[in-house]
Amino acid sequence: MRTCSAILAAAALSLAAGCDPAAMGGGSKTAAVAVAGRSVNIVAPGSFCVDPASTNVSASGAFVMVSDCALLGGRPPEGDGAPIGAVMTASISAAALASDGAGAPSLAEIARFAGTAEGRAMLSRSGHGDRVRIRATRTRGDVLYMLIEDRGPPPIAGIEPQFWRAFLEVQGQMTVLSVLGFEDAGVGPSQGLAYLQSFADAVQRANPG
């Protein structure tokens, strides 16, 4: 269970680190971060762009946030120009995902642990697992998606209490992606999942092998 604890701790960090929309500036479609001696490419999908002001790399891993290209001062390469109303984050740990005997990421173990009291506490923004509910889990390819509801204090004012997270392995490193919708933007679970799946697909394509 120690590996699962590390994964969910990284997931909690991905909501707390660098998530200040007021500090956004610039914007590009890609970011390359060095984690545990490996280069990991983060690619923003659709009308999202990487926010370089929120990117942080340390010995324990890396954090990258992506947001509306227009909000970051860039012109979106796709879409109709309508505001997105969500931000997404990527948290890459220096640790690898736990593996089963075949060497595949043990996503089922992560899902099981997330359903425990300890797992919910780690997923919580405030550390109180009783405020957290796992509303849905699904696996698509080698990515685990989890719809989480957290009624605790939000890390950003005005974000929806429900949000999706994706767990996957990128360049041998444990990676957690999240999408956070804003309450006044009308980004529901269906649209949030579509955004996150596009993000996961873009990151996987940019990091083959």
Protein backbone atom coordinates (compact mmCIF):
# COMPACT_ATOMS: atom_id res chain seq x y z
CA MET A 1 0.00 0.00 0.00
CA ARG A 2 3.00 2.35 0.39
CA THR A 3 3.26 2.87 -3.38
CA CYS A 4 -0.44 3.66 -3.62
CA SER A 5 -0.03 6.18 -0.79
CA ALA A 6 2.73 7.92 -2.76
CA ILE A 7 0.55 8.03 -5.88
CA LEU A 8 -2.41 9.61 -4.09
CA ALA A 9 -0.12 12.02 -2.25
CA ALA A 10 1.12 13.21 -5.64
CA ALA A 11 -2.49 13.54 -6.76
CA ALA A 12 -3.23 15.81 -3.82
CA LEU A 13 -0.15 17.89 -4.62
CA SER A 14 -1.35 18.35 -8.18
CA LEU A 15 -4.34 20.34 -6.89
CA ALA A 16 -2.41 22.49 -4.45
CA ALA A 17 0.81 23.41 -6.27
CA GLY A 18 0.96 26.41 -8.50
CA CYS A 19 -2.80 26.71 -9.03
CA ASP A 20 -3.14 30.48 -8.98
CA PRO A 21 -4.90 31.69 -12.14
CA ALA A 22 -3.93 35.28 -11.31
CA ALA A 23 -0.27 34.33 -11.75
CA MET A 24 -0.67 32.94 -15.27
CA GLY A 25 1.47 34.35 -18.01
CA GLY A 26 2.63 33.44 -21.49
CA GLY A 27 1.70 30.06 -22.87
CA SER A 28 2.89 27.38 -25.26
CA LYS A 29 1.64 24.00 -26.43
CA THR A 30 4.44 21.92 -24.89
CA ALA A 31 6.73 21.68 -21.90
CA ALA A 32 9.63 19.29 -21.34
CA VAL A 33 10.49 18.54 -17.70
CA ALA A 34 13.31 16.39 -16.33
CA VAL A 35 12.13 13.85 -13.75
CA ALA A 36 14.43 11.19 -12.28
CA GLY A 37 16.91 11.67 -15.12
CA ARG A 38 14.25 11.31 -17.84
CA SER A 39 12.68 13.93 -20.07
CA VAL A 40 8.89 13.95 -19.92
CA ASN A 41 6.94 15.91 -22.53
CA ILE A 42 3.68 17.54 -21.49
CA VAL A 43 1.48 18.56 -24.43
CA ALA A 44 -1.65 20.67 -24.01
CA PRO A 45 -4.57 19.48 -26.17
CA GLY A 46 -6.99 21.52 -28.26
CA SER A 47 -7.34 25.14 -27.13
CA PHE A 48 -5.33 24.54 -23.95
CA CYS A 49 -1.79 25.87 -23.50
CA VAL A 50 0.94 25.21 -20.95
CA ASP A 51 1.32 27.91 -18.30
CA PRO A 52 5.10 28.31 -17.83
CA ALA A 53 4.64 30.50 -14.73
CA SER A 54 3.07 27.55 -12.88
CA THR A 55 5.57 24.91 -13.98
CA ASN A 56 7.71 23.61 -11.13
CA VAL A 57 10.44 20.95 -11.12
CA SER A 58 12.10 19.55 -7.98
CA ALA A 59 13.93 16.43 -6.83
CA SER A 60 10.59 14.76 -6.02
CA GLY A 61 8.97 15.40 -9.40
CA ALA A 62 7.37 18.05 -11.58
CA PHE A 63 4.13 20.01 -11.78
CA VAL A 64 2.65 21.56 -14.94
CA MET A 65 -0.63 23.42 -15.38
CA VAL A 66 -2.47 24.00 -18.66
CA SER A 67 -5.28 26.47 -19.24
CA ASP A 68 -7.21 28.34 -21.92
CA CYS A 69 -4.71 29.62 -24.51
CA ALA A 70 -6.63 32.90 -24.72
CA LEU A 71 -6.36 33.41 -20.96
CA LEU A 72 -2.61 32.91 -21.19
CA GLY A 73 -2.29 35.53 -23.90
CA GLY A 74 -1.96 33.13 -26.84
CA ARG A 75 -4.23 32.34 -29.76
CA PRO A 76 -5.85 28.89 -29.56
CA PRO A 77 -4.87 26.68 -32.51
CA GLU A 78 -8.24 24.91 -32.47
CA GLY A 79 -11.82 25.52 -31.43
CA ASP A 80 -14.29 28.38 -31.85
CA GLY A 81 -12.66 30.75 -29.37
CA ALA A 82 -15.27 30.19 -26.63
CA PRO A 83 -13.84 30.28 -23.08
CA ILE A 84 -12.90 26.84 -21.79
CA GLY A 85 -13.77 27.40 -18.11
CA ALA A 86 -11.33 24.79 -16.78
CA VAL A 87 -7.70 24.24 -15.96
CA MET A 88 -5.79 20.97 -16.04
CA THR A 89 -2.71 19.86 -14.15
CA ALA A 90 -0.01 17.23 -14.55
CA SER A 91 1.98 15.92 -11.60
CA ILE A 92 4.92 13.66 -12.50
CA SER A 93 6.56 11.79 -9.63
CA ALA A 94 10.14 10.61 -9.45
CA ALA A 95 8.66 7.23 -8.43
CA ALA A 96 7.31 4.63 -10.84
CA LEU A 97 3.83 3.11 -10.64
CA ALA A 98 3.52 -0.19 -8.82
CA SER A 99 3.62 -3.11 -11.25
CA ASP A 100 2.14 -6.55 -11.37
CA GLY A 101 4.03 -9.63 -12.46
CA ALA A 102 3.71 -8.68 -16.13
CA GLY A 103 5.18 -5.23 -15.54
CA ALA A 104 1.90 -3.39 -16.24
CA PRO A 105 0.79 -0.49 -14.01
CA SER A 106 -1.43 -1.86 -11.25
CA LEU A 107 -4.26 0.62 -11.80
CA ALA A 108 -6.79 -1.68 -10.12
CA GLU A 109 -4.77 -1.51 -6.91
CA ILE A 110 -4.77 2.28 -7.05
CA ALA A 111 -8.55 2.31 -7.50
CA ARG A 112 -9.04 -0.06 -4.54
CA PHE A 113 -6.79 1.98 -2.28
CA ALA A 114 -8.54 5.23 -3.25
CA GLY A 115 -11.76 3.75 -1.87
CA THR A 116 -10.31 3.25 1.62
CA ALA A 117 -10.46 5.84 4.41
CA GLU A 118 -6.72 6.44 4.08
CA GLY A 119 -6.97 6.80 0.30
CA ARG A 120 -9.88 9.26 0.50
CA ALA A 121 -7.98 11.35 3.05
CA MET A 122 -5.04 11.60 0.65
CA LEU A 123 -7.31 12.58 -2.21
CA SER A 124 -8.95 15.28 -0.09
CA ARG A 125 -7.95 18.92 -0.48
CA SER A 126 -8.22 19.41 3.29
CA GLY A 127 -7.02 16.00 4.52
CA HIS A 128 -10.50 15.00 5.71
CA GLY A 129 -11.51 11.81 3.95
CA ASP A 130 -15.10 12.11 5.15
CA ARG A 131 -15.54 15.02 2.71
CA VAL A 132 -14.49 12.87 -0.28
CA ARG A 133 -16.54 10.48 -2.39
CA ILE A 134 -15.39 8.44 -5.38
CA ARG A 135 -18.30 8.86 -7.81
CA ALA A 136 -17.00 6.80 -10.72
CA THR A 137 -13.94 4.92 -11.92
CA ARG A 138 -13.17 3.69 -15.41
CA THR A 139 -10.17 2.37 -17.28
CA ARG A 140 -9.43 3.38 -20.87
CA GLY A 141 -6.39 1.66 -22.32
CA ASP A 142 -3.69 1.90 -19.67
CA VAL A 143 -5.17 4.97 -17.97
CA LEU A 144 -7.34 4.94 -14.83
CA TYR A 145 -9.93 7.75 -14.62
CA MET A 146 -11.55 8.62 -11.33
CA LEU A 147 -14.42 11.08 -10.72
CA ILE A 148 -13.95 12.58 -7.26
CA GLU A 149 -16.26 14.78 -5.21
CA ASP A 150 -14.63 16.82 -2.47
CA ARG A 151 -16.80 19.03 -0.28
CA GLY A 152 -13.80 20.32 1.67
CA PRO A 153 -12.16 23.75 1.19
CA PRO A 154 -11.17 24.17 -2.49
CA PRO A 155 -7.57 25.06 -3.46
CA ILE A 156 -8.93 27.61 -5.97
CA ALA A 157 -11.98 29.77 -5.30
CA GLY A 158 -14.97 28.93 -7.45
CA ILE A 159 -14.00 25.46 -8.71
CA GLU A 160 -16.50 22.63 -8.94
CA PRO A 161 -16.51 20.11 -6.06
CA GLN A 162 -16.45 17.25 -8.61
CA PHE A 163 -13.38 16.70 -10.76
CA TRP A 164 -11.71 13.93 -12.75
CA ARG A 165 -8.22 12.55 -12.23
CA ALA A 166 -6.24 10.27 -14.51
CA PHE A 167 -3.49 7.90 -13.34
CA LEU A 168 -0.94 6.61 -15.85
CA GLU A 169 2.72 5.83 -16.38
CA VAL A 170 4.78 8.18 -18.57
CA GLN A 171 8.43 7.43 -19.39
CA GLY A 172 8.45 5.01 -16.47
CA GLN A 173 7.23 7.68 -14.03
CA MET A 174 3.97 7.78 -12.12
CA THR A 175 1.84 10.61 -13.51
CA VAL A 176 -1.43 12.11 -12.27
CA LEU A 177 -3.51 14.40 -14.51
CA SER A 178 -6.46 16.43 -13.20
CA VAL A 179 -9.14 18.69 -14.67
CA LEU A 180 -10.75 21.43 -12.57
CA GLY A 181 -13.90 23.14 -13.85
CA PHE A 182 -15.13 26.50 -12.60
CA GLU A 183 -18.63 26.66 -11.13
CA ASP A 184 -19.82 29.53 -13.36
CA ALA A 185 -18.52 27.91 -16.57
CA GLY A 186 -20.84 24.92 -16.80
CA VAL A 187 -18.11 22.30 -17.27
CA GLY A 188 -19.84 19.14 -16.10
CA PRO A 189 -18.42 15.64 -15.54
CA SER A 190 -18.94 14.63 -19.18
CA GLN A 191 -17.06 17.58 -20.64
CA GLY A 192 -14.42 17.37 -17.92
CA LEU A 193 -13.73 13.74 -18.77
CA ALA A 194 -13.48 14.59 -22.48
CA TYR A 195 -10.91 17.30 -21.71
CA LEU A 196 -8.91 14.94 -19.51
CA GLN A 197 -8.95 12.08 -22.01
CA SER A 198 -7.64 14.47 -24.69
CA PHE A 199 -4.89 15.55 -22.30
CA ALA A 200 -3.90 11.96 -21.47
CA ASP A 201 -3.90 11.03 -25.16
CA ALA A 202 -1.68 14.01 -26.05
CA VAL A 203 0.80 13.22 -23.27
CA GLN A 204 0.99 9.54 -24.25
CA ARG A 205 1.56 10.38 -27.93
CA ALA A 206 4.36 12.76 -26.96
CA ASN A 207 6.08 10.09 -24.82
CA PRO A 208 6.16 6.86 -26.85
CA GLY A 209 7.80 3.74 -25.45
